[in-house]
Amino acid sequence: MTRRAFRTSRLVLAAGSALSVVGVVVLAVASTRPVSFGWFAYAPSSDTTFTPDGVHLFSTASLVGAGVLVLGLLVLAAWLGYRRGVRRRP
């Protein structure tokens, strides 16, 4: 493996590890805050259907943390696959 490929490999490993750690930290911080949302039974005398925008049971921060964690794990899996598949010199 050339010096440049080795450096790139270490950079990808560091980036994947950093993304995973940041994702876990954001997810841990976001899970300490309760999510507040309202609930209603019906809308009387109304001919329209109520569809709220952006309503989900998870906070936005926890969704971002989970996304960053998954991205970091995908980068680490790609790095591991590359390292396992690279040919060695005899």
Protein backbone atom coordinates (compact mmCIF):
# COMPACT_ATOMS: atom_id res chain seq x y z
CA MET A 1 0.00 0.00 0.00
CA THR A 2 1.40 3.36 -0.95
CA ARG A 3 1.93 6.14 1.52
CA ARG A 4 -0.90 8.20 0.00
CA ALA A 5 -3.37 5.31 0.17
CA PHE A 6 -2.36 4.62 3.76
CA ARG A 7 -2.92 8.28 4.67
CA THR A 8 -6.31 8.32 2.95
CA SER A 9 -7.27 5.11 4.72
CA ARG A 10 -6.40 6.58 8.10
CA LEU A 11 -8.31 9.77 7.26
CA VAL A 12 -11.44 7.79 6.37
CA LEU A 13 -11.08 5.79 9.59
CA ALA A 14 -10.77 9.00 11.63
CA ALA A 15 -13.75 10.60 9.88
CA GLY A 16 -15.96 7.55 10.40
CA SER A 17 -14.97 7.32 14.05
CA ALA A 18 -15.58 11.03 14.60
CA LEU A 19 -19.00 10.86 12.93
CA SER A 20 -19.97 7.90 15.09
CA VAL A 21 -18.87 9.61 18.30
CA VAL A 22 -20.66 12.85 17.39
CA GLY A 23 -23.81 10.91 16.54
CA VAL A 24 -23.78 9.09 19.88
CA VAL A 25 -23.18 12.34 21.80
CA VAL A 26 -25.99 14.19 20.00
CA LEU A 27 -28.32 11.25 20.48
CA ALA A 28 -27.47 11.05 24.19
CA VAL A 29 -27.97 14.78 24.74
CA ALA A 30 -31.21 14.81 22.76
CA SER A 31 -32.67 11.89 24.70
CA THR A 32 -32.39 13.76 28.02
CA ARG A 33 -34.90 16.39 26.91
CA PRO A 34 -38.58 15.43 26.83
CA VAL A 35 -40.47 15.81 23.58
CA SER A 36 -43.57 17.95 23.92
CA PHE A 37 -46.44 17.43 21.56
CA GLY A 38 -50.16 17.89 21.75
CA TRP A 39 -53.00 15.57 21.02
CA PHE A 40 -56.60 16.24 20.08
CA ALA A 41 -59.67 14.10 19.79
CA TYR A 42 -61.57 15.71 16.93
CA ALA A 43 -62.31 18.99 15.20
CA PRO A 44 -66.05 19.58 15.46
CA SER A 45 -67.94 21.42 12.72
CA SER A 46 -65.02 21.31 10.38
CA ASP A 47 -64.95 20.12 6.79
CA THR A 48 -61.16 20.07 6.56
CA THR A 49 -58.72 17.47 7.71
CA PHE A 50 -56.05 18.63 10.12
CA THR A 51 -52.56 17.60 9.06
CA PRO A 52 -49.83 19.19 11.15
CA ASP A 53 -46.48 19.95 9.51
CA GLY A 54 -43.36 18.34 10.89
CA VAL A 55 -44.96 16.35 13.69
CA HIS A 56 -43.04 13.30 14.84
CA LEU A 57 -42.61 11.52 18.13
CA PHE A 58 -38.86 12.00 18.18
CA SER A 59 -37.16 15.35 18.54
CA THR A 60 -35.32 16.77 15.58
CA ALA A 61 -32.03 16.58 17.48
CA SER A 62 -32.46 12.86 18.15
CA LEU A 63 -33.24 12.21 14.48
CA VAL A 64 -30.13 14.15 13.42
CA GLY A 65 -28.02 12.27 15.97
CA ALA A 66 -29.29 8.92 14.73
CA GLY A 67 -28.62 9.96 11.13
CA VAL A 68 -25.06 11.04 11.88
CA LEU A 69 -24.45 7.82 13.82
CA VAL A 70 -25.68 5.71 10.90
CA LEU A 71 -23.54 7.72 8.46
CA GLY A 72 -20.47 7.18 10.66
CA LEU A 73 -21.14 3.46 10.88
CA LEU A 74 -21.54 3.25 7.10
CA VAL A 75 -18.19 4.99 6.61
CA LEU A 76 -16.55 2.60 9.07
CA ALA A 77 -18.10 -0.40 7.31
CA ALA A 78 -16.84 0.85 3.94
CA TRP A 79 -13.37 1.37 5.40
CA LEU A 80 -13.36 -2.12 6.88
CA GLY A 81 -14.49 -3.63 3.59
CA TYR A 82 -11.77 -1.77 1.72
CA ARG A 83 -9.09 -2.84 4.19
CA ARG A 84 -10.19 -6.48 4.06
CA GLY A 85 -10.30 -6.50 0.26
CA VAL A 86 -7.06 -4.68 -0.54
CA ARG A 87 -4.35 -6.86 -2.05
CA ARG A 88 -1.11 -7.29 -0.18
CA ARG A 89 2.28 -7.49 -1.84
CA PRO A 90 3.83 -10.96 -1.80
